Every structure is written in C-alpha cells, then in structure tokens.
Amino acid sequence: MRYYIADCHFFHSALNEKMDCRGFGSTEEMNDFMIRQWNSRVRKNDEVVIIGDFSWGNAQQTQSVLDQIKGQLILIRGNHDRFLEDKKFDASRFKVIADYKEMHDNKRKVVLCHYPIACYNGQYRRDDQGNPKTYMLHGHIHNTYDQVLLDQYQQYVSSQTHQRIQGGTEHIPCELINCFCMFSHYLPLTLDEWIKITQKRRIEK
C-alpha cells in the first residue's frame, strides 16, 4: 500500500501555537500524537511519500521520530527540511530524497512536489471514462488563504476553460491535491482517500 502526507512539521512549536493552531498542549504531545496516528495506519512494508516539511527538528531529533514510525519512506524535500543539511544526519531511512518526482499509482500518474504546480505534466490526460489520469500532490500552503485562492483557480480551470477534442471540446482537468496533514487528522492516506477528502472539503467550504 502507498500513502501520502505533507507538512507534519515535527518539533515546530510555532505551528502548534500560531499559524496552524493545532491545539496540542505541547510540542511533545503533538509529536506523540502524529506518531501514533502514523503507526495506526502504516505497516512495515507500506510506502509513505512525505511531500515536504517533515520535521523542524535537528538531525538527532528528526532521527528519533524516524526510528519510531513505520513504512518505507520517500521524501519530497520541503523548504523546512533543514535536518538534511546536517552532515551527521543518517538519511538511509529514506528510500528516495528528491525535490520533484513522478510516479504511478493504480494506473494513474502522480506528480509530486512540495510546492503546488498550476500547469503540471500530464494534466490534460483522461481515461476512457473521462476521469483525470494525473494528479498533482503537494503541500506547503497548509490551510491558509493560499488554499482558498488555489481552490478558486481550480474551480475556474475545471469549469470555465476548454480544450479541443475529437467531436467537440471538454473542460480542462485540474487536480491539485494538498496533502496537508491536518486535512487527514495526521493520517497518511492513499490517493483515493485524498481525492475523496479534497472533493468533500471543496464542497463544504
């Protein structure tokens, strides 16, 4: 099984107390809860793609979290993953570390980058039933006004723009999914689960 998650920000007390207002009693409580949520879902041989900003902690602190969580890990580098710059950090826990990656997930393509990409590779592709064949998975913007703007952009592209096809035109797919950990209650989720959560969030906003 493959799961995705972004912007855990282990050890980042400011996000608990200010920007995200996560509501934990302490940074330690936040870290412990995220680890429990992770391990309640992920098994040893499952693959987890972390789409950036895994940890605000130093090399030793981040290693302590990596020693506790399950799964085969892929890291898409975020702007706050500074532990990677420490020469003492043992990066062997990650199968792959990349700034950008494209993968396949159950006959669909996923474009992975910490930052949302408005015009992503494979965006126009659909399957025989007309469903999008490519999804752009990102993090970085958390649940901020940037997410509101991005939702508005996607609504516009999906409903107001057209591309020519044989026999007529169709709306251009626009499938940007923010895998922000708070949207999933800190659980790594499958692609299908992220699609459902994103659709529900846009309806309820």
N, C-alpha and C. Protein backbone atom coordinates (compact mmCIF):
# COMPACT_ATOMS: atom_id res chain seq x y z
N MET A 1 0.85 -1.19 0.00
CA MET A 1 0.00 0.00 0.00
C MET A 1 0.88 1.24 0.00
N ARG A 2 0.41 2.27 -0.71
CA ARG A 2 1.15 3.53 -0.73
C ARG A 2 0.28 4.64 -0.14
N TYR A 3 0.92 5.43 0.73
CA TYR A 3 0.25 6.54 1.37
C TYR A 3 1.01 7.84 1.10
N TYR A 4 0.30 8.97 1.32
CA TYR A 4 0.88 10.29 1.12
C TYR A 4 0.53 11.19 2.30
N ILE A 5 1.45 12.10 2.63
CA ILE A 5 1.19 13.08 3.68
C ILE A 5 2.18 14.23 3.51
N ALA A 6 1.80 15.42 3.98
CA ALA A 6 2.67 16.59 3.85
C ALA A 6 2.60 17.45 5.11
N ASP A 7 3.67 18.19 5.34
CA ASP A 7 3.72 19.26 6.35
C ASP A 7 3.41 18.78 7.77
N CYS A 8 4.03 17.68 8.16
CA CYS A 8 3.89 17.24 9.55
C CYS A 8 4.53 18.25 10.51
N HIS A 9 5.68 18.77 10.13
CA HIS A 9 6.39 19.77 10.96
C HIS A 9 6.60 19.27 12.38
N PHE A 10 7.14 18.07 12.51
CA PHE A 10 7.53 17.61 13.84
C PHE A 10 8.44 18.65 14.50
N PHE A 11 8.24 18.86 15.80
CA PHE A 11 9.04 19.77 16.63
C PHE A 11 8.81 21.26 16.35
N HIS A 12 7.83 21.59 15.51
CA HIS A 12 7.63 23.00 15.15
C HIS A 12 6.56 23.60 16.06
N SER A 13 6.98 24.13 17.19
CA SER A 13 6.04 24.62 18.20
C SER A 13 5.22 25.80 17.70
N ALA A 14 5.79 26.64 16.84
CA ALA A 14 5.07 27.82 16.36
C ALA A 14 3.83 27.44 15.55
N LEU A 15 3.91 26.32 14.83
CA LEU A 15 2.74 25.91 14.06
C LEU A 15 1.65 25.34 14.95
N ASN A 16 2.03 24.77 16.06
CA ASN A 16 1.03 24.29 17.02
C ASN A 16 0.34 25.46 17.70
N GLU A 17 1.09 26.51 18.02
CA GLU A 17 0.57 27.61 18.82
C GLU A 17 0.03 28.76 17.99
N LYS A 18 0.52 28.93 16.75
CA LYS A 18 0.15 30.13 15.98
C LYS A 18 -0.46 29.77 14.63
N MET A 19 0.35 29.59 13.60
CA MET A 19 -0.15 29.50 12.23
C MET A 19 -1.24 28.45 12.05
N ASP A 20 -0.93 27.20 12.37
CA ASP A 20 -1.93 26.14 12.21
C ASP A 20 -2.90 26.07 13.38
N CYS A 21 -2.47 26.58 14.54
CA CYS A 21 -3.29 26.49 15.76
C CYS A 21 -3.77 25.06 15.97
N ARG A 22 -2.82 24.13 16.04
CA ARG A 22 -3.15 22.71 16.10
C ARG A 22 -3.81 22.29 17.42
N GLY A 23 -3.57 23.05 18.48
CA GLY A 23 -4.31 22.83 19.71
C GLY A 23 -3.76 21.80 20.66
N PHE A 24 -2.56 21.33 20.45
CA PHE A 24 -1.94 20.38 21.38
C PHE A 24 -1.40 21.13 22.59
N GLY A 25 -1.31 20.41 23.72
CA GLY A 25 -0.82 21.02 24.94
C GLY A 25 0.65 21.37 24.90
N SER A 26 1.39 20.70 24.06
CA SER A 26 2.83 20.94 23.93
C SER A 26 3.33 20.36 22.62
N THR A 27 4.54 20.72 22.26
CA THR A 27 5.15 20.16 21.05
C THR A 27 5.33 18.66 21.20
N GLU A 28 5.70 18.21 22.38
CA GLU A 28 5.88 16.77 22.63
C GLU A 28 4.57 16.01 22.44
N GLU A 29 3.48 16.61 22.92
CA GLU A 29 2.17 15.98 22.74
C GLU A 29 1.80 15.90 21.26
N MET A 30 2.10 16.95 20.53
CA MET A 30 1.85 16.96 19.08
C MET A 30 2.65 15.86 18.39
N ASN A 31 3.94 15.79 18.70
CA ASN A 31 4.79 14.77 18.09
C ASN A 31 4.27 13.37 18.39
N ASP A 32 3.95 13.11 19.65
CA ASP A 32 3.49 11.77 20.05
C ASP A 32 2.20 11.40 19.34
N PHE A 33 1.28 12.35 19.22
CA PHE A 33 0.01 12.07 18.56
C PHE A 33 0.22 11.75 17.08
N MET A 34 1.07 12.52 16.40
CA MET A 34 1.32 12.27 14.98
C MET A 34 1.97 10.91 14.77
N ILE A 35 2.86 10.53 15.65
CA ILE A 35 3.50 9.21 15.54
C ILE A 35 2.47 8.10 15.74
N ARG A 36 1.59 8.26 16.71
CA ARG A 36 0.55 7.25 16.95
C ARG A 36 -0.40 7.14 15.76
N GLN A 37 -0.78 8.27 15.21
CA GLN A 37 -1.67 8.25 14.05
C GLN A 37 -0.99 7.56 12.87
N TRP A 38 0.24 7.89 12.64
CA TRP A 38 1.02 7.29 11.55
C TRP A 38 1.05 5.77 11.70
N ASN A 39 1.45 5.30 12.87
CA ASN A 39 1.62 3.86 13.07
C ASN A 39 0.30 3.10 13.19
N SER A 40 -0.80 3.82 13.40
CA SER A 40 -2.10 3.15 13.42
C SER A 40 -2.54 2.75 12.02
N ARG A 41 -1.93 3.34 11.02
CA ARG A 41 -2.31 3.08 9.63
C ARG A 41 -1.21 2.35 8.85
N VAL A 42 0.02 2.77 9.02
CA VAL A 42 1.13 2.29 8.18
C VAL A 42 1.73 1.02 8.77
N ARG A 43 2.03 0.06 7.88
CA ARG A 43 2.72 -1.16 8.26
C ARG A 43 4.14 -1.16 7.71
N LYS A 44 4.91 -2.13 8.13
CA LYS A 44 6.34 -2.16 7.83
C LYS A 44 6.65 -2.03 6.35
N ASN A 45 5.93 -2.74 5.50
CA ASN A 45 6.24 -2.75 4.08
C ASN A 45 5.42 -1.77 3.26
N ASP A 46 4.58 -0.97 3.91
CA ASP A 46 3.86 0.08 3.19
C ASP A 46 4.82 1.19 2.80
N GLU A 47 4.48 1.89 1.75
CA GLU A 47 5.29 3.00 1.28
C GLU A 47 4.60 4.31 1.63
N VAL A 48 5.35 5.23 2.20
CA VAL A 48 4.79 6.54 2.54
C VAL A 48 5.60 7.62 1.82
N VAL A 49 4.91 8.42 1.02
CA VAL A 49 5.54 9.55 0.35
C VAL A 49 5.27 10.80 1.19
N ILE A 50 6.33 11.37 1.74
CA ILE A 50 6.24 12.58 2.56
C ILE A 50 6.51 13.76 1.63
N ILE A 51 5.48 14.61 1.45
CA ILE A 51 5.61 15.67 0.45
C ILE A 51 6.08 16.96 1.11
N GLY A 52 7.19 16.85 1.80
CA GLY A 52 7.90 18.01 2.31
C GLY A 52 7.54 18.44 3.72
N ASP A 53 8.48 19.16 4.32
CA ASP A 53 8.37 19.73 5.67
C ASP A 53 8.00 18.66 6.69
N PHE A 54 8.79 17.62 6.71
CA PHE A 54 8.58 16.53 7.65
C PHE A 54 8.90 16.96 9.07
N SER A 55 10.03 17.66 9.25
CA SER A 55 10.48 17.98 10.60
C SER A 55 11.20 19.31 10.66
N TRP A 56 10.88 20.05 11.72
CA TRP A 56 11.58 21.30 12.04
C TRP A 56 12.76 21.01 12.98
N GLY A 57 12.84 19.78 13.46
CA GLY A 57 13.86 19.42 14.43
C GLY A 57 15.24 19.30 13.81
N ASN A 58 16.25 19.19 14.68
CA ASN A 58 17.60 18.99 14.19
C ASN A 58 17.80 17.53 13.79
N ALA A 59 19.01 17.18 13.41
CA ALA A 59 19.27 15.83 12.91
C ALA A 59 18.93 14.77 13.95
N GLN A 60 19.35 14.97 15.18
CA GLN A 60 19.11 13.99 16.23
C GLN A 60 17.63 13.87 16.56
N GLN A 61 16.94 14.99 16.66
CA GLN A 61 15.51 14.96 16.95
C GLN A 61 14.73 14.28 15.84
N THR A 62 15.06 14.62 14.61
CA THR A 62 14.35 14.03 13.48
C THR A 62 14.62 12.54 13.39
N GLN A 63 15.85 12.13 13.67
CA GLN A 63 16.19 10.71 13.66
C GLN A 63 15.36 9.94 14.68
N SER A 64 15.09 10.58 15.81
CA SER A 64 14.31 9.91 16.85
C SER A 64 12.89 9.62 16.38
N VAL A 65 12.33 10.51 15.57
CA VAL A 65 11.00 10.27 15.00
C VAL A 65 11.06 9.17 13.95
N LEU A 66 12.05 9.25 13.09
CA LEU A 66 12.20 8.24 12.03
C LEU A 66 12.38 6.85 12.61
N ASP A 67 12.99 6.75 13.77
CA ASP A 67 13.19 5.45 14.42
C ASP A 67 11.88 4.88 14.95
N GLN A 68 10.87 5.72 15.10
CA GLN A 68 9.61 5.28 15.69
C GLN A 68 8.50 5.00 14.68
N ILE A 69 8.58 5.59 13.50
CA ILE A 69 7.48 5.43 12.54
C ILE A 69 7.75 4.28 11.58
N LYS A 70 6.67 3.68 11.10
CA LYS A 70 6.75 2.52 10.23
C LYS A 70 6.73 2.93 8.76
N GLY A 71 7.07 1.96 7.91
CA GLY A 71 6.94 2.15 6.48
C GLY A 71 8.25 2.38 5.76
N GLN A 72 8.17 2.25 4.44
CA GLN A 72 9.27 2.57 3.54
C GLN A 72 9.07 4.01 3.09
N LEU A 73 10.02 4.88 3.37
CA LEU A 73 9.79 6.31 3.25
C LEU A 73 10.45 6.92 2.01
N ILE A 74 9.67 7.78 1.35
CA ILE A 74 10.16 8.60 0.26
C ILE A 74 9.95 10.05 0.68
N LEU A 75 10.97 10.87 0.57
CA LEU A 75 10.86 12.27 0.97
C LEU A 75 10.97 13.19 -0.24
N ILE A 76 9.91 13.96 -0.45
CA ILE A 76 9.97 15.06 -1.40
C ILE A 76 10.36 16.29 -0.57
N ARG A 77 11.50 16.82 -0.84
CA ARG A 77 12.10 17.84 0.03
C ARG A 77 11.23 19.10 0.13
N GLY A 78 11.04 19.58 1.37
CA GLY A 78 10.34 20.83 1.61
C GLY A 78 11.29 21.93 2.02
N ASN A 79 10.80 23.13 2.11
CA ASN A 79 11.66 24.27 2.43
C ASN A 79 12.11 24.29 3.89
N HIS A 80 11.47 23.48 4.75
CA HIS A 80 11.85 23.45 6.16
C HIS A 80 12.58 22.17 6.58
N ASP A 81 12.90 21.32 5.64
CA ASP A 81 13.59 20.07 5.98
C ASP A 81 15.09 20.31 6.11
N ARG A 82 15.44 21.17 7.06
CA ARG A 82 16.84 21.60 7.21
C ARG A 82 17.72 20.53 7.83
N PHE A 83 17.11 19.54 8.45
CA PHE A 83 17.90 18.45 9.03
C PHE A 83 18.73 17.74 7.97
N LEU A 84 18.30 17.82 6.71
CA LEU A 84 19.04 17.17 5.62
C LEU A 84 20.40 17.81 5.39
N GLU A 85 20.55 19.05 5.82
CA GLU A 85 21.81 19.77 5.60
C GLU A 85 22.87 19.40 6.62
N ASP A 86 22.48 18.72 7.68
CA ASP A 86 23.42 18.33 8.73
C ASP A 86 24.18 17.08 8.29
N LYS A 87 25.48 17.19 8.22
CA LYS A 87 26.30 16.06 7.76
C LYS A 87 26.20 14.85 8.69
N LYS A 88 25.76 15.08 9.92
CA LYS A 88 25.63 13.98 10.87
C LYS A 88 24.32 13.20 10.69
N PHE A 89 23.42 13.75 9.89
CA PHE A 89 22.13 13.10 9.72
C PHE A 89 22.26 11.86 8.86
N ASP A 90 21.70 10.75 9.31
CA ASP A 90 21.71 9.50 8.56
C ASP A 90 20.44 9.43 7.71
N ALA A 91 20.60 9.65 6.41
CA ALA A 91 19.44 9.72 5.50
C ALA A 91 19.01 8.35 4.98
N SER A 92 19.61 7.27 5.49
CA SER A 92 19.32 5.94 4.94
C SER A 92 17.89 5.48 5.19
N ARG A 93 17.20 6.13 6.13
CA ARG A 93 15.80 5.76 6.40
C ARG A 93 14.90 6.09 5.21
N PHE A 94 15.34 7.01 4.37
CA PHE A 94 14.58 7.37 3.18
C PHE A 94 15.07 6.57 1.97
N LYS A 95 14.15 5.91 1.30
CA LYS A 95 14.49 5.20 0.07
C LYS A 95 14.90 6.16 -1.03
N VAL A 96 14.22 7.31 -1.05
CA VAL A 96 14.46 8.34 -2.07
C VAL A 96 14.31 9.70 -1.40
N ILE A 97 15.19 10.63 -1.79
CA ILE A 97 15.02 12.04 -1.42
C ILE A 97 15.09 12.82 -2.73
N ALA A 98 14.05 13.59 -3.02
CA ALA A 98 14.00 14.32 -4.29
C ALA A 98 13.25 15.62 -4.10
N ASP A 99 13.50 16.58 -4.98
CA ASP A 99 12.75 17.83 -4.98
C ASP A 99 11.45 17.70 -5.78
N TYR A 100 11.46 16.77 -6.74
CA TYR A 100 10.32 16.57 -7.64
C TYR A 100 10.35 15.13 -8.10
N LYS A 101 9.17 14.53 -8.20
CA LYS A 101 9.13 13.14 -8.65
C LYS A 101 7.79 12.86 -9.31
N GLU A 102 7.80 11.97 -10.30
CA GLU A 102 6.58 11.48 -10.92
C GLU A 102 6.51 9.97 -10.71
N MET A 103 5.34 9.48 -10.29
CA MET A 103 5.15 8.07 -10.00
C MET A 103 3.81 7.62 -10.58
N HIS A 104 3.57 6.32 -10.54
CA HIS A 104 2.28 5.78 -10.95
C HIS A 104 1.62 5.08 -9.78
N ASP A 105 0.32 5.27 -9.68
CA ASP A 105 -0.46 4.74 -8.57
C ASP A 105 -1.77 4.19 -9.13
N ASN A 106 -1.85 2.87 -9.23
CA ASN A 106 -3.07 2.21 -9.74
C ASN A 106 -3.52 2.80 -11.08
N LYS A 107 -2.60 2.79 -12.04
CA LYS A 107 -2.84 3.23 -13.42
C LYS A 107 -3.08 4.73 -13.55
N ARG A 108 -2.75 5.47 -12.49
CA ARG A 108 -2.81 6.93 -12.55
C ARG A 108 -1.43 7.50 -12.27
N LYS A 109 -1.19 8.65 -12.81
CA LYS A 109 0.09 9.31 -12.60
C LYS A 109 -0.05 10.31 -11.46
N VAL A 110 0.96 10.37 -10.59
CA VAL A 110 1.00 11.39 -9.56
C VAL A 110 2.27 12.22 -9.76
N VAL A 111 2.09 13.51 -9.78
CA VAL A 111 3.18 14.47 -9.85
C VAL A 111 3.40 14.98 -8.43
N LEU A 112 4.61 14.87 -7.93
CA LEU A 112 4.89 15.15 -6.52
C LEU A 112 5.90 16.28 -6.38
N CYS A 113 5.48 17.33 -5.69
CA CYS A 113 6.37 18.44 -5.39
C CYS A 113 5.83 19.12 -4.14
N HIS A 114 6.71 19.62 -3.28
CA HIS A 114 6.25 20.30 -2.08
C HIS A 114 5.39 21.51 -2.42
N TYR A 115 5.72 22.18 -3.51
CA TYR A 115 5.01 23.39 -3.92
C TYR A 115 3.96 23.05 -4.98
N PRO A 116 2.75 23.61 -4.91
CA PRO A 116 1.74 23.32 -5.93
C PRO A 116 2.17 23.83 -7.30
N ILE A 117 1.93 23.02 -8.31
CA ILE A 117 2.28 23.37 -9.69
C ILE A 117 0.98 23.53 -10.48
N ALA A 118 0.71 24.73 -10.94
CA ALA A 118 -0.56 25.02 -11.61
C ALA A 118 -0.72 24.26 -12.92
N CYS A 119 0.34 24.21 -13.70
CA CYS A 119 0.30 23.52 -15.01
C CYS A 119 1.26 22.35 -14.94
N TYR A 120 0.76 21.22 -14.50
CA TYR A 120 1.61 20.07 -14.20
C TYR A 120 1.62 19.08 -15.38
N ASN A 121 2.66 18.28 -15.44
CA ASN A 121 2.85 17.34 -16.53
C ASN A 121 1.74 16.29 -16.53
N GLY A 122 1.11 16.11 -17.69
CA GLY A 122 0.04 15.11 -17.82
C GLY A 122 -1.33 15.62 -17.43
N GLN A 123 -1.46 16.91 -17.19
CA GLN A 123 -2.72 17.47 -16.68
C GLN A 123 -3.91 17.18 -17.59
N TYR A 124 -3.71 17.17 -18.89
CA TYR A 124 -4.82 17.08 -19.83
C TYR A 124 -5.30 15.64 -20.07
N ARG A 125 -4.61 14.68 -19.52
CA ARG A 125 -4.92 13.28 -19.83
C ARG A 125 -6.12 12.77 -19.05
N ARG A 126 -6.99 12.03 -19.74
CA ARG A 126 -8.15 11.39 -19.13
C ARG A 126 -8.19 9.92 -19.52
N ASP A 127 -8.91 9.11 -18.71
CA ASP A 127 -9.07 7.71 -19.07
C ASP A 127 -10.29 7.55 -19.98
N ASP A 128 -10.63 6.32 -20.31
CA ASP A 128 -11.73 6.07 -21.26
C ASP A 128 -13.08 6.52 -20.72
N GLN A 129 -13.19 6.66 -19.39
CA GLN A 129 -14.44 7.12 -18.78
C GLN A 129 -14.46 8.64 -18.56
N GLY A 130 -13.39 9.30 -18.97
CA GLY A 130 -13.33 10.75 -18.83
C GLY A 130 -12.77 11.23 -17.52
N ASN A 131 -12.27 10.31 -16.68
CA ASN A 131 -11.69 10.69 -15.40
C ASN A 131 -10.25 11.15 -15.57
N PRO A 132 -9.79 12.10 -14.75
CA PRO A 132 -8.39 12.53 -14.84
C PRO A 132 -7.44 11.35 -14.62
N LYS A 133 -6.36 11.32 -15.40
CA LYS A 133 -5.35 10.27 -15.25
C LYS A 133 -4.13 10.75 -14.48
N THR A 134 -4.08 12.05 -14.17
CA THR A 134 -2.92 12.61 -13.50
C THR A 134 -3.37 13.52 -12.36
N TYR A 135 -2.69 13.39 -11.22
CA TYR A 135 -2.97 14.21 -10.05
C TYR A 135 -1.68 14.86 -9.56
N MET A 136 -1.78 16.13 -9.18
CA MET A 136 -0.63 16.87 -8.66
C MET A 136 -0.78 16.94 -7.14
N LEU A 137 0.11 16.23 -6.42
CA LEU A 137 0.07 16.18 -4.96
C LEU A 137 1.16 17.10 -4.40
N HIS A 138 0.76 17.93 -3.44
CA HIS A 138 1.68 18.94 -2.92
C HIS A 138 1.40 19.18 -1.44
N GLY A 139 2.16 20.11 -0.88
CA GLY A 139 1.96 20.57 0.48
C GLY A 139 2.17 22.07 0.51
N HIS A 140 2.94 22.54 1.48
CA HIS A 140 3.47 23.89 1.59
C HIS A 140 2.47 24.95 2.06
N ILE A 141 1.27 24.98 1.53
CA ILE A 141 0.38 26.11 1.81
C ILE A 141 -0.50 25.89 3.04
N HIS A 142 -0.46 24.69 3.63
CA HIS A 142 -1.27 24.38 4.81
C HIS A 142 -2.74 24.72 4.53
N ASN A 143 -3.46 25.20 5.53
CA ASN A 143 -4.86 25.60 5.33
C ASN A 143 -4.94 27.12 5.46
N THR A 144 -4.36 27.82 4.51
CA THR A 144 -4.24 29.27 4.54
C THR A 144 -5.05 29.89 3.41
N TYR A 145 -4.97 31.20 3.29
CA TYR A 145 -5.67 31.89 2.20
C TYR A 145 -5.15 31.43 0.85
N ASP A 146 -3.89 30.99 0.80
CA ASP A 146 -3.37 30.44 -0.45
C ASP A 146 -4.20 29.24 -0.91
N GLN A 147 -4.69 28.44 0.05
CA GLN A 147 -5.54 27.30 -0.32
C GLN A 147 -6.87 27.77 -0.89
N VAL A 148 -7.42 28.85 -0.34
CA VAL A 148 -8.66 29.42 -0.88
C VAL A 148 -8.45 29.86 -2.32
N LEU A 149 -7.35 30.55 -2.57
CA LEU A 149 -7.05 31.02 -3.93
C LEU A 149 -6.84 29.85 -4.88
N LEU A 150 -6.16 28.82 -4.39
CA LEU A 150 -5.90 27.66 -5.24
C LEU A 150 -7.20 26.93 -5.57
N ASP A 151 -8.10 26.82 -4.61
CA ASP A 151 -9.41 26.22 -4.87
C ASP A 151 -10.19 27.02 -5.91
N GLN A 152 -10.12 28.34 -5.80
CA GLN A 152 -10.80 29.18 -6.78
C GLN A 152 -10.22 29.01 -8.17
N TYR A 153 -8.90 28.91 -8.23
CA TYR A 153 -8.23 28.70 -9.52
C TYR A 153 -8.66 27.38 -10.15
N GLN A 154 -8.70 26.33 -9.34
CA GLN A 154 -9.07 25.02 -9.87
C GLN A 154 -10.53 25.00 -10.33
N GLN A 155 -11.39 25.66 -9.58
CA GLN A 155 -12.79 25.75 -9.98
C GLN A 155 -12.93 26.45 -11.32
N TYR A 156 -12.16 27.52 -11.50
CA TYR A 156 -12.21 28.25 -12.76
C TYR A 156 -11.71 27.39 -13.92
N VAL A 157 -10.55 26.76 -13.74
CA VAL A 157 -9.98 25.94 -14.82
C VAL A 157 -10.92 24.79 -15.18
N SER A 158 -11.49 24.14 -14.17
CA SER A 158 -12.31 22.96 -14.40
C SER A 158 -13.67 23.28 -15.01
N SER A 159 -14.14 24.52 -14.83
CA SER A 159 -15.49 24.85 -15.28
C SER A 159 -15.54 25.87 -16.40
N GLN A 160 -14.49 26.68 -16.55
CA GLN A 160 -14.55 27.79 -17.50
C GLN A 160 -13.58 27.67 -18.67
N THR A 161 -12.68 26.73 -18.62
CA THR A 161 -11.72 26.57 -19.72
C THR A 161 -12.04 25.32 -20.52
N HIS A 162 -11.61 25.30 -21.77
CA HIS A 162 -11.93 24.18 -22.66
C HIS A 162 -10.71 23.80 -23.48
N GLN A 163 -10.68 22.55 -23.88
CA GLN A 163 -9.69 22.09 -24.84
C GLN A 163 -10.42 21.36 -25.96
N ARG A 164 -9.85 21.42 -27.12
CA ARG A 164 -10.46 20.76 -28.28
C ARG A 164 -10.20 19.25 -28.21
N ILE A 165 -11.22 18.48 -28.49
CA ILE A 165 -11.09 17.03 -28.62
C ILE A 165 -11.84 16.62 -29.86
N GLN A 166 -11.65 15.39 -30.27
CA GLN A 166 -12.36 14.90 -31.44
C GLN A 166 -13.86 14.94 -31.18
N GLY A 167 -14.57 15.68 -32.01
CA GLY A 167 -16.01 15.77 -31.86
C GLY A 167 -16.48 16.93 -31.01
N GLY A 168 -15.56 17.78 -30.53
CA GLY A 168 -16.01 18.92 -29.74
C GLY A 168 -14.96 19.44 -28.80
N THR A 169 -15.38 19.87 -27.60
CA THR A 169 -14.48 20.38 -26.58
C THR A 169 -14.83 19.77 -25.23
N GLU A 170 -13.91 19.90 -24.29
CA GLU A 170 -14.16 19.45 -22.92
C GLU A 170 -13.42 20.36 -21.95
N HIS A 171 -13.87 20.37 -20.70
CA HIS A 171 -13.19 21.16 -19.69
C HIS A 171 -11.80 20.58 -19.41
N ILE A 172 -10.87 21.45 -19.06
CA ILE A 172 -9.51 21.03 -18.76
C ILE A 172 -9.46 20.50 -17.33
N PRO A 173 -8.95 19.29 -17.12
CA PRO A 173 -8.82 18.79 -15.74
C PRO A 173 -7.84 19.65 -14.94
N CYS A 174 -8.11 19.78 -13.66
CA CYS A 174 -7.20 20.49 -12.76
C CYS A 174 -7.29 19.82 -11.40
N GLU A 175 -6.36 18.93 -11.12
CA GLU A 175 -6.44 18.09 -9.93
C GLU A 175 -5.21 18.31 -9.04
N LEU A 176 -5.22 19.43 -8.33
CA LEU A 176 -4.17 19.71 -7.35
C LEU A 176 -4.69 19.32 -5.97
N ILE A 177 -3.97 18.43 -5.30
CA ILE A 177 -4.39 17.93 -4.00
C ILE A 177 -3.37 18.30 -2.95
N ASN A 178 -3.82 19.06 -1.96
CA ASN A 178 -2.97 19.46 -0.84
C ASN A 178 -3.04 18.36 0.21
N CYS A 179 -1.94 17.64 0.41
CA CYS A 179 -1.90 16.52 1.35
C CYS A 179 -1.52 16.98 2.76
N PHE A 180 -1.96 18.16 3.13
CA PHE A 180 -1.69 18.75 4.44
C PHE A 180 -2.20 17.82 5.54
N CYS A 181 -1.32 17.52 6.49
CA CYS A 181 -1.61 16.50 7.49
C CYS A 181 -2.87 16.80 8.32
N MET A 182 -3.19 18.06 8.54
CA MET A 182 -4.37 18.38 9.33
C MET A 182 -5.66 18.04 8.60
N PHE A 183 -5.63 18.04 7.26
CA PHE A 183 -6.81 17.66 6.49
C PHE A 183 -7.17 16.18 6.68
N SER A 184 -6.18 15.37 7.06
CA SER A 184 -6.40 13.93 7.24
C SER A 184 -6.32 13.52 8.70
N HIS A 185 -6.37 14.50 9.61
CA HIS A 185 -6.22 14.24 11.04
C HIS A 185 -4.90 13.51 11.30
N TYR A 186 -3.87 13.92 10.57
CA TYR A 186 -2.49 13.45 10.73
C TYR A 186 -2.30 11.99 10.30
N LEU A 187 -3.20 11.47 9.51
CA LEU A 187 -3.06 10.10 8.99
C LEU A 187 -2.49 10.14 7.57
N PRO A 188 -1.47 9.36 7.25
CA PRO A 188 -1.11 9.17 5.85
C PRO A 188 -2.26 8.49 5.13
N LEU A 189 -2.60 8.96 3.93
CA LEU A 189 -3.75 8.44 3.19
C LEU A 189 -3.36 7.96 1.81
N THR A 190 -4.18 7.08 1.24
CA THR A 190 -4.00 6.65 -0.13
C THR A 190 -4.42 7.76 -1.09
N LEU A 191 -4.09 7.60 -2.36
CA LEU A 191 -4.51 8.58 -3.36
C LEU A 191 -6.03 8.68 -3.41
N ASP A 192 -6.72 7.55 -3.41
CA ASP A 192 -8.18 7.58 -3.46
C ASP A 192 -8.76 8.30 -2.24
N GLU A 193 -8.18 8.08 -1.09
CA GLU A 193 -8.66 8.76 0.12
C GLU A 193 -8.43 10.26 0.05
N TRP A 194 -7.28 10.66 -0.49
CA TRP A 194 -7.02 12.10 -0.64
C TRP A 194 -7.97 12.72 -1.65
N ILE A 195 -8.29 12.02 -2.71
CA ILE A 195 -9.24 12.54 -3.70
C ILE A 195 -10.59 12.79 -3.04
N LYS A 196 -11.08 11.84 -2.25
CA LYS A 196 -12.38 11.98 -1.59
C LYS A 196 -12.38 13.12 -0.58
N ILE A 197 -11.33 13.20 0.24
CA ILE A 197 -11.25 14.26 1.24
C ILE A 197 -11.22 15.63 0.57
N THR A 198 -10.48 15.75 -0.52
CA THR A 198 -10.37 17.03 -1.22
C THR A 198 -11.70 17.42 -1.83
N GLN A 199 -12.39 16.49 -2.44
CA GLN A 199 -13.71 16.78 -3.02
C GLN A 199 -14.68 17.22 -1.93
N LYS A 200 -14.68 16.54 -0.80
CA LYS A 200 -15.57 16.89 0.31
C LYS A 200 -15.23 18.25 0.87
N ARG A 201 -13.94 18.55 1.04
CA ARG A 201 -13.54 19.84 1.59
C ARG A 201 -13.99 21.00 0.69
N ARG A 202 -13.88 20.81 -0.61
CA ARG A 202 -14.28 21.89 -1.54
C ARG A 202 -15.79 22.10 -1.54
N ILE A 203 -16.54 21.05 -1.33
CA ILE A 203 -18.00 21.17 -1.27
C ILE A 203 -18.44 21.88 0.00
N GLU A 204 -17.75 21.57 1.11
CA GLU A 204 -18.16 22.08 2.41
C GLU A 204 -17.63 23.46 2.74
N LYS A 205 -16.66 23.94 1.97
CA LYS A 205 -16.02 25.23 2.33
C LYS A 205 -17.01 26.38 2.24
